[in-house]
C-alpha atoms as a PDB file:
ATOM      1  CA  MET A   1      82.556 132.855  56.270  1.00  0.00           C
ATOM      2  CA  THR A   2      85.377 133.947  54.592  1.00  0.00           C
ATOM      3  CA  ASP A   3      84.940 132.813  51.625  1.00  0.00           C
ATOM      4  CA  ALA A   4      81.185 134.499  51.216  1.00  0.00           C
ATOM      5  CA  ILE A   5      82.993 137.918  52.159  1.00  0.00           C
ATOM      6  CA  SER A   6      85.629 137.464  49.768  1.00  0.00           C
ATOM      7  CA  THR A   7      82.856 136.762  46.895  1.00  0.00           C
ATOM      8  CA  LEU A   8      80.912 139.418  47.954  1.00  0.00           C
ATOM      9  CA  GLU A   9      84.394 141.805  47.922  1.00  0.00           C
ATOM     10  CA  THR A  10      84.746 140.832  44.581  1.00  0.00           C
ATOM     11  CA  LEU A  11      81.356 141.698  42.881  1.00  0.00           C
ATOM     12  CA  PHE A  12      81.737 144.892  44.415  1.00  0.00           C
ATOM     13  CA  ALA A  13      85.211 145.857  43.520  1.00  0.00           C
ATOM     14  CA  ASP A  14      84.117 144.429  39.890  1.00  0.00           C
ATOM     15  CA  ARG A  15      80.837 146.374  39.433  1.00  0.00           C
ATOM     16  CA  TYR A  16      81.402 149.453  37.295  1.00  0.00           C
ATOM     17  CA  SER A  17      78.549 151.166  35.266  1.00  0.00           C
ATOM     18  CA  CYS A  18      78.517 150.244  32.348  1.00  0.00           C
ATOM     19  CA  ARG A  19      78.196 152.758  29.460  1.00  0.00           C
ATOM     20  CA  ALA A  20      78.398 150.543  26.165  1.00  0.00           C
ATOM     21  CA  TYR A  21      76.450 147.401  25.513  1.00  0.00           C
ATOM     22  CA  LYS A  22      76.396 144.425  23.285  1.00  0.00           C
ATOM     23  CA  ALA A  23      73.064 144.416  21.186  1.00  0.00           C
ATOM     24  CA  ASP A  24      72.619 140.475  22.540  1.00  0.00           C
ATOM     25  CA  ALA A  25      69.594 140.128  24.575  1.00  0.00           C
ATOM     26  CA  VAL A  26      69.799 138.975  28.439  1.00  0.00           C
ATOM     27  CA  PRO A  27      67.724 135.344  28.338  1.00  0.00           C
ATOM     28  CA  ARG A  28      64.757 135.352  30.513  1.00  0.00           C
ATOM     29  CA  GLU A  29      66.017 132.906  32.837  1.00  0.00           C
ATOM     30  CA  VAL A  30      69.011 135.158  33.555  1.00  0.00           C
ATOM     31  CA  ILE A  31      66.581 137.956  34.481  1.00  0.00           C
ATOM     32  CA  ASP A  32      64.605 135.949  36.859  1.00  0.00           C
ATOM     33  CA  ARG A  33      67.352 134.866  38.523  1.00  0.00           C
ATOM     34  CA  ILE A  34      68.498 138.645  38.872  1.00  0.00           C
ATOM     35  CA  LEU A  35      64.879 139.337  39.659  1.00  0.00           C
ATOM     36  CA  THR A  36      65.142 136.402  42.624  1.00  0.00           C
ATOM     37  CA  ALA A  37      67.927 137.706  44.037  1.00  0.00           C
ATOM     38  CA  ALA A  38      67.284 140.851  44.105  1.00  0.00           C
ATOM     39  CA  GLN A  39      63.495 139.604  45.762  1.00  0.00           C
ATOM     40  CA  ARG A  40      65.131 139.580  49.450  1.00  0.00           C
ATOM     41  CA  THR A  41      66.383 143.176  49.717  1.00  0.00           C
ATOM     42  CA  ALA A  42      65.235 144.582  53.188  1.00  0.00           C
ATOM     43  CA  SER A  43      62.893 146.857  53.433  1.00  0.00           C
ATOM     44  CA  TRP A  44      61.234 149.179  56.223  1.00  0.00           C
ATOM     45  CA  CYS A  45      58.027 146.879  57.759  1.00  0.00           C
ATOM     46  CA  ASN A  46      59.006 144.367  55.128  1.00  0.00           C
ATOM     47  CA  SER A  47      56.731 146.458  52.494  1.00  0.00           C
ATOM     48  CA  GLN A  48      58.860 145.840  49.457  1.00  0.00           C
ATOM     49  CA  PRO A  49      57.527 148.927  47.929  1.00  0.00           C
ATOM     50  CA  TRP A  50      59.744 148.361  44.452  1.00  0.00           C
ATOM     51  CA  GLN A  51      57.628 147.337  41.378  1.00  0.00           C
ATOM     52  CA  VAL A  52      59.916 146.947  38.462  1.00  0.00           C
ATOM     53  CA  THR A  53      58.992 147.113  34.995  1.00  0.00           C
ATOM     54  CA  ILE A  54      61.634 145.679  32.399  1.00  0.00           C
ATOM     55  CA  THR A  55      61.796 146.175  28.882  1.00  0.00           C
ATOM     56  CA  SER A  56      63.279 143.905  26.285  1.00  0.00           C
ATOM     57  CA  GLY A  57      63.819 144.135  22.395  1.00  0.00           C
ATOM     58  CA  GLU A  58      61.081 146.038  20.358  1.00  0.00           C
ATOM     59  CA  ALA A  59      59.864 147.334  23.608  1.00  0.00           C
ATOM     60  CA  THR A  60      63.250 148.839  24.339  1.00  0.00           C
ATOM     61  CA  LYS A  61      63.510 150.688  21.503  1.00  0.00           C
ATOM     62  CA  LYS A  62      59.533 152.006  21.603  1.00  0.00           C
ATOM     63  CA  PHE A  63      60.688 153.551  25.221  1.00  0.00           C
ATOM     64  CA  ARG A  64      64.143 155.007  23.748  1.00  0.00           C
ATOM     65  CA  ASP A  65      62.164 156.796  20.591  1.00  0.00           C
ATOM     66  CA  VAL A  66      59.745 158.024  23.202  1.00  0.00           C
ATOM     67  CA  LEU A  67      61.781 159.364  25.785  1.00  0.00           C
ATOM     68  CA  TYR A  68      64.875 160.744  23.420  1.00  0.00           C
ATOM     69  CA  PRO A  69      62.938 163.385  22.043  1.00  0.00           C
ATOM     70  CA  VAL A  70      61.769 164.789  25.141  1.00  0.00           C
ATOM     71  CA  ALA A  71      65.184 164.777  26.790  1.00  0.00           C
ATOM     72  CA  ALA A  72      66.686 166.312  24.018  1.00  0.00           C
ATOM     73  CA  SER A  73      64.251 168.767  23.626  1.00  0.00           C
ATOM     74  CA  GLY A  74      65.403 170.600  26.530  1.00  0.00           C
ATOM     75  CA  THR A  75      61.906 170.167  28.276  1.00  0.00           C
ATOM     76  CA  PRO A  76      62.270 170.336  31.927  1.00  0.00           C
ATOM     77  CA  SER A  77      63.052 168.006  34.472  1.00  0.00           C
ATOM     78  CA  SER A  78      59.978 167.005  36.439  1.00  0.00           C
ATOM     79  CA  GLY A  79      60.743 164.266  38.444  1.00  0.00           C
ATOM     80  CA  ASP A  80      58.851 162.726  41.108  1.00  0.00           C
ATOM     81  CA  PHE A  81      61.634 163.325  43.384  1.00  0.00           C
ATOM     82  CA  GLU A  82      63.355 166.583  44.378  1.00  0.00           C
ATOM     83  CA  PHE A  83      66.671 166.293  42.855  1.00  0.00           C
ATOM     84  CA  PRO A  84      69.947 167.422  44.837  1.00  0.00           C
ATOM     85  CA  ARG A  85      69.490 171.490  45.378  1.00  0.00           C
ATOM     86  CA  GLU A  86      73.563 171.600  44.803  1.00  0.00           C
ATOM     87  CA  TYR A  87      76.956 169.752  45.024  1.00  0.00           C
ATOM     88  CA  ARG A  88      79.560 171.262  47.602  1.00  0.00           C
ATOM     89  CA  GLY A  89      83.205 170.373  49.096  1.00  0.00           C
ATOM     90  CA  VAL A  90      83.770 167.006  49.209  1.00  0.00           C
ATOM     91  CA  TYR A  91      80.446 166.259  46.968  1.00  0.00           C
ATOM     92  CA  LEU A  92      81.185 168.170  44.302  1.00  0.00           C
ATOM     93  CA  ASP A  93      84.824 166.989  43.951  1.00  0.00           C
ATOM     94  CA  ARG A  94      83.802 163.574  43.660  1.00  0.00           C
ATOM     95  CA  ARG A  95      81.218 164.723  41.102  1.00  0.00           C
ATOM     96  CA  ARG A  96      83.784 166.322  39.169  1.00  0.00           C
ATOM     97  CA  GLU A  97      86.750 163.912  38.886  1.00  0.00           C
ATOM     98  CA  SER A  98      84.299 160.983  37.914  1.00  0.00           C
ATOM     99  CA  GLY A  99      82.622 163.569  35.262  1.00  0.00           C
ATOM    100  CA  PHE A 100      86.346 164.075  34.387  1.00  0.00           C
ATOM    101  CA  GLN A 101      87.108 160.582  34.297  1.00  0.00           C
ATOM    102  CA  LEU A 102      84.061 160.033  31.766  1.00  0.00           C
ATOM    103  CA  TYR A 103      84.858 162.848  29.459  1.00  0.00           C
ATOM    104  CA  ASN A 104      88.919 162.293  29.472  1.00  0.00           C
ATOM    105  CA  THR A 105      88.484 158.403  28.382  1.00  0.00           C
ATOM    106  CA  LEU A 106      86.041 160.002  25.662  1.00  0.00           C
ATOM    107  CA  GLY A 107      88.603 162.309  24.247  1.00  0.00           C
ATOM    108  CA  ILE A 108      86.127 165.479  25.369  1.00  0.00           C
ATOM    109  CA  ALA A 109      87.594 168.579  25.340  1.00  0.00           C
ATOM    110  CA  ARG A 110      87.358 170.182  29.722  1.00  0.00           C
ATOM    111  CA  GLY A 111      84.615 172.851  29.121  1.00  0.00           C
ATOM    112  CA  ASP A 112      83.179 171.910  25.152  1.00  0.00           C
ATOM    113  CA  LYS A 113      79.349 172.344  26.981  1.00  0.00           C
ATOM    114  CA  ALA A 114      77.923 171.276  23.989  1.00  0.00           C
ATOM    115  CA  ALA A 115      79.945 167.693  24.231  1.00  0.00           C
ATOM    116  CA  TYR A 116      78.936 167.111  27.940  1.00  0.00           C
ATOM    117  CA  ALA A 117      75.481 167.712  27.029  1.00  0.00           C
ATOM    118  CA  GLU A 118      75.693 165.253  24.248  1.00  0.00           C
ATOM    119  CA  GLN A 119      77.225 162.702  26.159  1.00  0.00           C
ATOM    120  CA  ALA A 120      74.371 163.394  28.733  1.00  0.00           C
ATOM    121  CA  LEU A 121      71.660 162.806  26.631  1.00  0.00           C
ATOM    122  CA  GLN A 122      73.354 159.026  25.836  1.00  0.00           C
ATOM    123  CA  ASN A 123      71.602 158.144  29.002  1.00  0.00           C
ATOM    124  CA  PHE A 124      68.353 158.381  26.994  1.00  0.00           C
ATOM    125  CA  ASN A 125      69.956 156.205  24.092  1.00  0.00           C
ATOM    126  CA  PHE A 126      70.453 153.818  27.511  1.00  0.00           C
ATOM    127  CA  PHE A 127      74.010 153.610  26.328  1.00  0.00           C
ATOM    128  CA  GLY A 128      72.989 150.959  23.693  1.00  0.00           C
ATOM    129  CA  ALA A 129      71.806 148.428  26.467  1.00  0.00           C
ATOM    130  CA  PRO A 130      69.206 145.687  25.337  1.00  0.00           C
ATOM    131  CA  HIS A 131      67.170 146.236  28.281  1.00  0.00           C
ATOM    132  CA  VAL A 132      65.965 148.879  30.664  1.00  0.00           C
ATOM    133  CA  ALA A 133      64.584 148.273  34.430  1.00  0.00           C
ATOM    134  CA  ILE A 134      62.189 151.260  35.722  1.00  0.00           C
ATOM    135  CA  ILE A 135      61.986 151.292  39.770  1.00  0.00           C
ATOM    136  CA  THR A 136      59.337 152.619  40.806  1.00  0.00           C
ATOM    137  CA  SER A 137      57.711 152.675  44.780  1.00  0.00           C
ATOM    138  CA  ASP A 138      54.326 153.665  46.057  1.00  0.00           C
ATOM    139  CA  GLU A 139      53.543 157.267  46.270  1.00  0.00           C
ATOM    140  CA  ALA A 140      52.103 157.010  50.016  1.00  0.00           C
ATOM    141  CA  LEU A 141      55.612 155.586  51.225  1.00  0.00           C
ATOM    142  CA  GLY A 142      57.509 158.746  50.548  1.00  0.00           C
ATOM    143  CA  ILE A 143      61.613 159.182  50.362  1.00  0.00           C
ATOM    144  CA  TYR A 144      61.212 155.898  52.333  1.00  0.00           C
ATOM    145  CA  GLY A 145      60.124 154.208  50.024  1.00  0.00           C
ATOM    146  CA  ALA A 146      62.622 155.181  47.234  1.00  0.00           C
ATOM    147  CA  VAL A 147      65.160 154.353  49.837  1.00  0.00           C
ATOM    148  CA  ASP A 148      64.303 150.875  50.227  1.00  0.00           C
ATOM    149  CA  CYS A 149      63.987 151.064  46.372  1.00  0.00           C
ATOM    150  CA  GLY A 150      68.004 152.432  46.699  1.00  0.00           C
ATOM    151  CA  GLY A 151      68.527 148.871  48.124  1.00  0.00           C
ATOM    152  CA  TYR A 152      66.567 147.046  45.911  1.00  0.00           C
ATOM    153  CA  VAL A 153      68.709 148.973  43.029  1.00  0.00           C
ATOM    154  CA  ASN A 154      71.830 147.865  44.446  1.00  0.00           C
ATOM    155  CA  ASN A 155      71.226 144.294  45.272  1.00  0.00           C
ATOM    156  CA  PHE A 156      69.510 143.845  41.306  1.00  0.00           C
ATOM    157  CA  MET A 157      73.483 145.255  40.175  1.00  0.00           C
ATOM    158  CA  LEU A 158      75.529 142.833  42.545  1.00  0.00           C
ATOM    159  CA  ALA A 159      73.127 139.649  41.082  1.00  0.00           C
ATOM    160  CA  ALA A 160      73.263 141.075  37.622  1.00  0.00           C
ATOM    161  CA  GLN A 161      77.522 141.309  38.126  1.00  0.00           C
ATOM    162  CA  ALA A 162      77.594 137.629  39.870  1.00  0.00           C
ATOM    163  CA  LEU A 163      75.909 136.220  36.607  1.00  0.00           C
ATOM    164  CA  GLY A 164      78.017 138.657  34.245  1.00  0.00           C
ATOM    165  CA  ILE A 165      75.908 141.076  33.113  1.00  0.00           C
ATOM    166  CA  ALA A 166      76.675 144.763  33.296  1.00  0.00           C
ATOM    167  CA  THR A 167      74.499 147.576  34.552  1.00  0.00           C
ATOM    168  CA  VAL A 168      74.454 151.272  35.087  1.00  0.00           C
ATOM    169  CA  PRO A 169      71.655 152.780  37.223  1.00  0.00           C
ATOM    170  CA  GLN A 170      69.986 155.575  35.900  1.00  0.00           C
ATOM    171  CA  ALA A 171      68.663 158.807  37.564  1.00  0.00           C
ATOM    172  CA  ALA A 172      68.265 160.620  34.614  1.00  0.00           C
ATOM    173  CA  LEU A 173      65.337 158.386  33.447  1.00  0.00           C
ATOM    174  CA  ALA A 174      63.560 159.569  36.437  1.00  0.00           C
ATOM    175  CA  PHE A 175      63.588 163.171  34.721  1.00  0.00           C
ATOM    176  CA  HIS A 176      60.460 162.769  33.058  1.00  0.00           C
ATOM    177  CA  SER A 177      58.615 160.422  35.364  1.00  0.00           C
ATOM    178  CA  ALA A 178      55.351 162.087  34.088  1.00  0.00           C
ATOM    179  CA  VAL A 179      56.406 160.627  30.369  1.00  0.00           C
ATOM    180  CA  VAL A 180      57.554 157.004  32.117  1.00  0.00           C
ATOM    181  CA  ARG A 181      54.367 156.235  33.573  1.00  0.00           C
ATOM    182  CA  LYS A 182      51.963 157.616  30.278  1.00  0.00           C
ATOM    183  CA  HIS A 183      54.355 155.317  28.069  1.00  0.00           C
ATOM    184  CA  PHE A 184      54.011 152.168  30.081  1.00  0.00           C
ATOM    185  CA  GLY A 185      50.774 153.088  31.337  1.00  0.00           C
ATOM    186  CA  MET A 186      51.598 152.722  35.383  1.00  0.00           C
ATOM    187  CA  ALA A 187      48.871 153.878  37.962  1.00  0.00           C
ATOM    188  CA  ASP A 188      49.150 157.920  38.945  1.00  0.00           C
ATOM    189  CA  ASP A 189      50.063 156.661  42.333  1.00  0.00           C
ATOM    190  CA  ARG A 190      53.476 155.028  41.215  1.00  0.00           C
ATOM    191  CA  ARG A 191      56.890 157.424  41.767  1.00  0.00           C
ATOM    192  CA  VAL A 192      59.409 156.637  39.420  1.00  0.00           C
ATOM    193  CA  VAL A 193      62.683 156.208  41.546  1.00  0.00           C
ATOM    194  CA  CYS A 194      65.425 155.220  38.888  1.00  0.00           C
ATOM    195  CA  GLY A 195      66.158 153.048  35.863  1.00  0.00           C
ATOM    196  CA  ILE A 196      68.946 150.488  35.731  1.00  0.00           C
ATOM    197  CA  SER A 197      69.877 149.765  31.858  1.00  0.00           C
ATOM    198  CA  PHE A 198      71.661 146.649  31.196  1.00  0.00           C
ATOM    199  CA  GLY A 199      73.085 143.744  29.337  1.00  0.00           C
ATOM    200  CA  TYR A 200      76.225 142.375  28.327  1.00  0.00           C
ATOM    201  CA  ALA A 201      78.919 144.526  28.493  1.00  0.00           C
ATOM    202  CA  ASP A 202      81.158 146.023  25.528  1.00  0.00           C
ATOM    203  CA  GLY A 203      84.595 145.417  26.639  1.00  0.00           C
ATOM    204  CA  ALA A 204      86.525 146.908  23.544  1.00  0.00           C
ATOM    205  CA  HIS A 205      84.471 150.287  24.231  1.00  0.00           C
ATOM    206  CA  LYS A 206      86.861 152.995  25.587  1.00  0.00           C
ATOM    207  CA  VAL A 207      84.304 154.162  27.958  1.00  0.00           C
ATOM    208  CA  ASN A 208      83.789 150.881  29.565  1.00  0.00           C
ATOM    209  CA  SER A 209      87.754 151.218  30.502  1.00  0.00           C
ATOM    210  CA  TYR A 210      88.085 153.550  33.377  1.00  0.00           C
ATOM    211  CA  ARG A 211      87.071 153.018  37.446  1.00  0.00           C
ATOM    212  CA  THR A 212      85.651 155.835  39.878  1.00  0.00           C
ATOM    213  CA  SER A 213      87.594 156.177  43.114  1.00  0.00           C
ATOM    214  CA  ARG A 214      86.264 155.394  46.566  1.00  0.00           C
ATOM    215  CA  ALA A 215      86.092 157.177  49.545  1.00  0.00           C
ATOM    216  CA  GLN A 216      88.707 156.034  52.893  1.00  0.00           C
ATOM    217  CA  LEU A 217      87.049 154.890  55.820  1.00  0.00           C
ATOM    218  CA  GLY A 218      88.020 157.560  57.759  1.00  0.00           C
ATOM    219  CA  ASP A 219      86.474 160.174  55.377  1.00  0.00           C
ATOM    220  CA  VAL A 220      83.250 158.587  55.823  1.00  0.00           C
ATOM    221  CA  ALA A 221      82.919 156.631  59.343  1.00  0.00           C
ATOM    222  CA  THR A 222      83.368 158.049  63.227  1.00  0.00           C
ATOM    223  CA  PHE A 223      83.863 155.317  65.864  1.00  0.00           C
ATOM    224  CA  VAL A 224      82.379 156.099  68.988  1.00  0.00           C
ATOM    225  CA  GLU A 225      83.498 154.309  72.154  1.00  0.00           C
END
């Protein structure tokens, strides 16, 4: 058991949101192994609401060619789930810290809104990843279906990390859910939760050189005895 938790702790510690990838495709058998592991995710009533659409090769390029222009045009976001109304207090502090780490690493000056916007658009280039996984849930399951999908996303990323595959979870890919549904021919009752871009990390790119912080246990846990 000690070895098992040590392995899990290492995976948690080593995983990060990769924002620069090599062009090399991930072999199908590796992707299948990630999916098989993630399929063990717990869900409410074992409903397993997630459906996963994965692009490779030309399909990734076609998806990029559809989604990037929509995002770059300034079309208002229209996700299937309500986005955060605001970040405030410690949540705003953490968001800012993470953002400034990214901008400082890339040499983007504080307050350069044009550069901020350009960097945000890289979400829709999938940061150069050769694969994208779109995670959807069933409309009737509402927010709890999305919660179950969140567990699936985390397990997908940990399984990928264990196999040497880098990932970045992207709520941005759910900003234009109708576009995603139309492009992939999804049923109207599928709700786009998020995307995961993945592939082999470009370890030489400076954007992959920093790591975000985590709150201390005393900041998040309350013990009642």
